[in-house]
């Protein structure tokens, strides 16, 4: 039993760095995360960043917001638009 518990703990600890490096490994101008909410009227959506756990809000046009729902895991390609982030692609 003790070995089984240690094996599970080791597996979890081994997997954590991979999640932590998710956005850095994806490259510049890319964030990975889970959609927290979508505000179509304002043209915005927010994700919980996979690397930091912090919420990040992006501006997006209607085409990018269609079919986007809370809970979805997404990869967001973005560019800086002044002090905001503009989603240019969502997968």
N, C-alpha and C. Protein backbone atom coordinates (compact mmCIF):
# COMPACT_ATOMS: atom_id res chain seq x y z
N UNK A 1 0.83 -1.19 0.00
CA UNK A 1 0.00 0.00 0.00
C UNK A 1 0.87 1.25 0.00
N UNK A 2 1.91 1.23 0.81
CA UNK A 2 2.79 2.39 0.91
C UNK A 2 3.46 2.67 -0.44
N UNK A 3 3.87 1.61 -1.15
CA UNK A 3 4.48 1.76 -2.46
C UNK A 3 3.51 2.37 -3.47
N UNK A 4 2.27 1.95 -3.40
CA UNK A 4 1.26 2.46 -4.32
C UNK A 4 1.05 3.96 -4.11
N UNK A 5 0.95 4.38 -2.86
CA UNK A 5 0.78 5.80 -2.54
C UNK A 5 1.99 6.60 -3.01
N UNK A 6 3.18 6.09 -2.76
CA UNK A 6 4.39 6.79 -3.20
C UNK A 6 4.45 6.88 -4.72
N UNK A 7 4.01 5.83 -5.40
CA UNK A 7 3.98 5.84 -6.86
C UNK A 7 3.03 6.90 -7.39
N UNK A 8 1.87 7.02 -6.77
CA UNK A 8 0.90 8.03 -7.19
C UNK A 8 1.45 9.43 -6.94
N UNK A 9 2.03 9.65 -5.79
CA UNK A 9 2.60 10.97 -5.47
C UNK A 9 3.71 11.31 -6.45
N UNK A 10 4.57 10.35 -6.76
CA UNK A 10 5.66 10.59 -7.71
C UNK A 10 5.12 10.94 -9.08
N UNK A 11 4.08 10.25 -9.52
CA UNK A 11 3.49 10.52 -10.83
C UNK A 11 2.92 11.93 -10.89
N UNK A 12 2.25 12.34 -9.84
CA UNK A 12 1.67 13.69 -9.79
C UNK A 12 2.78 14.74 -9.81
N UNK A 13 3.79 14.57 -9.00
CA UNK A 13 4.89 15.53 -8.95
C UNK A 13 5.65 15.59 -10.27
N UNK A 14 5.78 14.48 -10.93
CA UNK A 14 6.45 14.44 -12.22
C UNK A 14 5.65 15.21 -13.27
N UNK A 15 4.34 15.15 -13.20
CA UNK A 15 3.48 15.80 -14.19
C UNK A 15 3.37 17.31 -13.98
N UNK A 16 3.53 17.79 -12.78
CA UNK A 16 3.34 19.21 -12.49
C UNK A 16 4.23 20.15 -13.30
N UNK A 17 5.53 19.89 -13.43
CA UNK A 17 6.34 20.82 -14.23
C UNK A 17 5.88 20.93 -15.67
N UNK A 18 5.36 19.88 -16.26
CA UNK A 18 4.90 19.94 -17.64
C UNK A 18 3.74 20.91 -17.78
N UNK A 19 2.83 20.92 -16.83
CA UNK A 19 1.72 21.87 -16.85
C UNK A 19 2.25 23.27 -16.64
N UNK A 20 3.18 23.44 -15.73
CA UNK A 20 3.74 24.75 -15.42
C UNK A 20 4.44 25.39 -16.60
N UNK A 21 5.00 24.58 -17.48
CA UNK A 21 5.72 25.12 -18.62
C UNK A 21 4.86 25.19 -19.88
N UNK A 22 3.59 24.90 -19.75
CA UNK A 22 2.72 24.79 -20.92
C UNK A 22 2.76 26.03 -21.80
N UNK A 23 2.57 27.21 -21.25
CA UNK A 23 2.53 28.42 -22.07
C UNK A 23 3.91 28.79 -22.61
N UNK A 24 4.93 28.65 -21.78
CA UNK A 24 6.28 28.96 -22.23
C UNK A 24 6.69 28.05 -23.38
N UNK A 25 6.33 26.78 -23.29
CA UNK A 25 6.69 25.82 -24.32
C UNK A 25 5.91 26.06 -25.61
N UNK A 26 4.73 26.67 -25.52
CA UNK A 26 3.90 26.91 -26.71
C UNK A 26 4.48 28.01 -27.57
N UNK A 27 5.28 28.88 -27.00
CA UNK A 27 5.92 29.93 -27.78
C UNK A 27 5.37 31.31 -27.47
N UNK A 28 6.03 32.29 -28.04
CA UNK A 28 5.64 33.68 -27.83
C UNK A 28 4.32 33.97 -28.53
N UNK A 29 3.48 34.74 -27.89
CA UNK A 29 2.19 35.10 -28.47
C UNK A 29 1.16 34.00 -28.37
N UNK A 30 1.34 33.06 -27.43
CA UNK A 30 0.40 31.96 -27.25
C UNK A 30 0.16 31.74 -25.76
N UNK A 31 -1.09 31.58 -25.39
CA UNK A 31 -1.46 31.19 -24.03
C UNK A 31 -2.36 29.97 -24.11
N UNK A 32 -2.20 29.07 -23.15
CA UNK A 32 -3.03 27.88 -23.02
C UNK A 32 -3.83 28.02 -21.74
N UNK A 33 -5.06 27.55 -21.75
CA UNK A 33 -5.84 27.62 -20.52
C UNK A 33 -7.27 27.16 -20.69
N UNK A 34 -8.02 27.34 -19.62
CA UNK A 34 -9.44 26.97 -19.58
C UNK A 34 -10.28 28.23 -19.61
N UNK A 35 -11.30 28.24 -20.45
CA UNK A 35 -12.17 29.41 -20.56
C UNK A 35 -12.98 29.55 -19.28
N UNK A 36 -12.90 30.73 -18.67
CA UNK A 36 -13.67 31.03 -17.47
C UNK A 36 -15.00 31.69 -17.81
N UNK A 37 -15.00 32.50 -18.85
CA UNK A 37 -16.23 33.19 -19.23
C UNK A 37 -16.10 33.88 -20.56
N UNK A 38 -17.23 34.11 -21.20
CA UNK A 38 -17.29 34.77 -22.51
C UNK A 38 -18.32 35.89 -22.42
N UNK A 39 -17.93 37.09 -22.83
CA UNK A 39 -18.85 38.24 -22.87
C UNK A 39 -18.93 38.69 -24.32
N UNK A 40 -19.88 38.11 -25.06
CA UNK A 40 -20.00 38.42 -26.48
C UNK A 40 -20.37 39.87 -26.72
N UNK A 41 -21.17 40.45 -25.84
CA UNK A 41 -21.58 41.85 -26.01
C UNK A 41 -20.37 42.79 -25.94
N UNK A 42 -19.41 42.47 -25.07
CA UNK A 42 -18.22 43.30 -24.92
C UNK A 42 -17.08 42.85 -25.84
N UNK A 43 -17.24 41.69 -26.51
CA UNK A 43 -16.20 41.18 -27.39
C UNK A 43 -14.97 40.72 -26.63
N UNK A 44 -15.20 40.04 -25.48
CA UNK A 44 -14.08 39.60 -24.64
C UNK A 44 -14.33 38.20 -24.11
N UNK A 45 -13.24 37.52 -23.75
CA UNK A 45 -13.33 36.26 -23.02
C UNK A 45 -12.13 36.17 -22.10
N UNK A 46 -12.27 35.35 -21.06
CA UNK A 46 -11.23 35.21 -20.05
C UNK A 46 -10.88 33.74 -19.89
N UNK A 47 -9.57 33.47 -19.79
CA UNK A 47 -9.11 32.11 -19.53
C UNK A 47 -8.34 32.09 -18.21
N UNK A 48 -8.23 30.91 -17.61
CA UNK A 48 -7.31 30.70 -16.49
C UNK A 48 -6.05 30.13 -17.13
N UNK A 49 -4.97 30.90 -17.07
CA UNK A 49 -3.71 30.53 -17.70
C UNK A 49 -3.16 29.23 -17.12
N UNK A 50 -2.79 28.29 -17.97
CA UNK A 50 -2.30 26.99 -17.53
C UNK A 50 -0.97 27.10 -16.80
N UNK A 51 -0.16 28.09 -17.13
CA UNK A 51 1.16 28.23 -16.51
C UNK A 51 1.08 28.92 -15.16
N UNK A 52 0.37 30.02 -15.09
CA UNK A 52 0.36 30.82 -13.87
C UNK A 52 -0.88 30.63 -13.01
N UNK A 53 -1.96 30.15 -13.62
CA UNK A 53 -3.23 30.03 -12.90
C UNK A 53 -3.98 31.35 -12.82
N UNK A 54 -3.41 32.40 -13.37
CA UNK A 54 -4.02 33.73 -13.32
C UNK A 54 -5.04 33.89 -14.45
N UNK A 55 -6.08 34.68 -14.22
CA UNK A 55 -7.02 34.96 -15.30
C UNK A 55 -6.41 35.93 -16.32
N UNK A 56 -6.66 35.68 -17.59
CA UNK A 56 -6.18 36.56 -18.66
C UNK A 56 -7.38 36.84 -19.56
N UNK A 57 -7.63 38.12 -19.83
CA UNK A 57 -8.76 38.51 -20.67
C UNK A 57 -8.25 38.95 -22.04
N UNK A 58 -8.94 38.48 -23.07
CA UNK A 58 -8.61 38.81 -24.45
C UNK A 58 -9.79 39.48 -25.12
N UNK A 59 -9.50 40.43 -26.00
CA UNK A 59 -10.51 40.97 -26.90
C UNK A 59 -10.61 39.98 -28.06
N UNK A 60 -11.80 39.85 -28.65
CA UNK A 60 -11.96 38.95 -29.78
C UNK A 60 -13.15 39.39 -30.62
N UNK A 61 -13.08 39.10 -31.92
CA UNK A 61 -14.23 39.41 -32.77
C UNK A 61 -15.25 38.28 -32.68
N UNK A 62 -16.42 38.53 -33.23
CA UNK A 62 -17.51 37.56 -33.16
C UNK A 62 -17.12 36.19 -33.70
N UNK A 63 -16.34 36.17 -34.77
CA UNK A 63 -15.94 34.91 -35.36
C UNK A 63 -15.14 34.04 -34.41
N UNK A 64 -14.29 34.66 -33.60
CA UNK A 64 -13.49 33.91 -32.63
C UNK A 64 -14.31 33.52 -31.41
N UNK A 65 -15.36 34.27 -31.10
CA UNK A 65 -16.16 33.98 -29.91
C UNK A 65 -17.23 32.91 -30.15
N UNK A 66 -17.62 32.71 -31.41
CA UNK A 66 -18.65 31.72 -31.72
C UNK A 66 -18.21 30.33 -31.29
N UNK A 67 -19.06 29.67 -30.54
CA UNK A 67 -18.78 28.31 -30.09
C UNK A 67 -17.84 28.22 -28.91
N UNK A 68 -17.40 29.36 -28.38
CA UNK A 68 -16.50 29.37 -27.23
C UNK A 68 -17.32 29.37 -25.96
N UNK A 69 -17.13 28.36 -25.11
CA UNK A 69 -17.92 28.23 -23.88
C UNK A 69 -17.02 28.04 -22.67
N UNK A 70 -17.53 28.44 -21.52
CA UNK A 70 -16.81 28.25 -20.26
C UNK A 70 -16.49 26.77 -20.07
N UNK A 71 -15.30 26.50 -19.59
CA UNK A 71 -14.87 25.14 -19.34
C UNK A 71 -14.04 24.55 -20.47
N UNK A 72 -14.09 25.16 -21.65
CA UNK A 72 -13.32 24.64 -22.78
C UNK A 72 -11.83 24.90 -22.56
N UNK A 73 -11.02 23.95 -22.94
CA UNK A 73 -9.56 24.14 -22.91
C UNK A 73 -9.15 24.67 -24.28
N UNK A 74 -8.40 25.77 -24.27
CA UNK A 74 -8.07 26.44 -25.53
C UNK A 74 -6.60 26.82 -25.60
N UNK A 75 -6.17 26.99 -26.84
CA UNK A 75 -4.87 27.59 -27.15
C UNK A 75 -5.20 28.90 -27.84
N UNK A 76 -4.72 30.00 -27.29
CA UNK A 76 -5.04 31.32 -27.83
C UNK A 76 -3.79 31.95 -28.41
N UNK A 77 -3.83 32.23 -29.71
CA UNK A 77 -2.79 33.02 -30.34
C UNK A 77 -3.23 34.47 -30.22
N UNK A 78 -2.33 35.35 -29.80
CA UNK A 78 -2.73 36.73 -29.55
C UNK A 78 -1.65 37.70 -29.97
N UNK A 79 -2.07 38.96 -30.03
CA UNK A 79 -1.14 40.07 -30.25
C UNK A 79 -1.50 41.18 -29.28
N UNK A 80 -0.53 42.00 -28.97
CA UNK A 80 -0.80 43.12 -28.07
C UNK A 80 -1.48 44.23 -28.87
N UNK A 81 -2.52 44.80 -28.26
CA UNK A 81 -3.26 45.91 -28.87
C UNK A 81 -3.31 47.02 -27.81
N UNK A 82 -2.29 47.84 -27.78
CA UNK A 82 -2.16 48.82 -26.70
C UNK A 82 -1.89 48.08 -25.41
N UNK A 83 -2.74 48.30 -24.41
CA UNK A 83 -2.59 47.61 -23.12
C UNK A 83 -3.44 46.35 -23.05
N UNK A 84 -4.16 46.03 -24.11
CA UNK A 84 -5.03 44.85 -24.15
C UNK A 84 -4.37 43.75 -24.97
N UNK A 85 -4.94 42.56 -24.87
CA UNK A 85 -4.51 41.43 -25.68
C UNK A 85 -5.64 41.10 -26.65
N UNK A 86 -5.30 40.94 -27.92
CA UNK A 86 -6.31 40.63 -28.93
C UNK A 86 -6.08 39.22 -29.45
N UNK A 87 -7.10 38.37 -29.31
CA UNK A 87 -7.02 37.00 -29.81
C UNK A 87 -7.09 37.04 -31.33
N UNK A 88 -6.11 36.42 -31.97
CA UNK A 88 -6.12 36.35 -33.43
C UNK A 88 -6.41 34.91 -33.90
N UNK A 89 -6.40 33.97 -32.97
CA UNK A 89 -6.73 32.59 -33.28
C UNK A 89 -7.00 31.82 -32.00
N UNK A 90 -8.04 31.01 -32.01
CA UNK A 90 -8.41 30.21 -30.84
C UNK A 90 -8.63 28.77 -31.31
N UNK A 91 -7.93 27.85 -30.69
CA UNK A 91 -8.07 26.42 -31.03
C UNK A 91 -8.50 25.67 -29.81
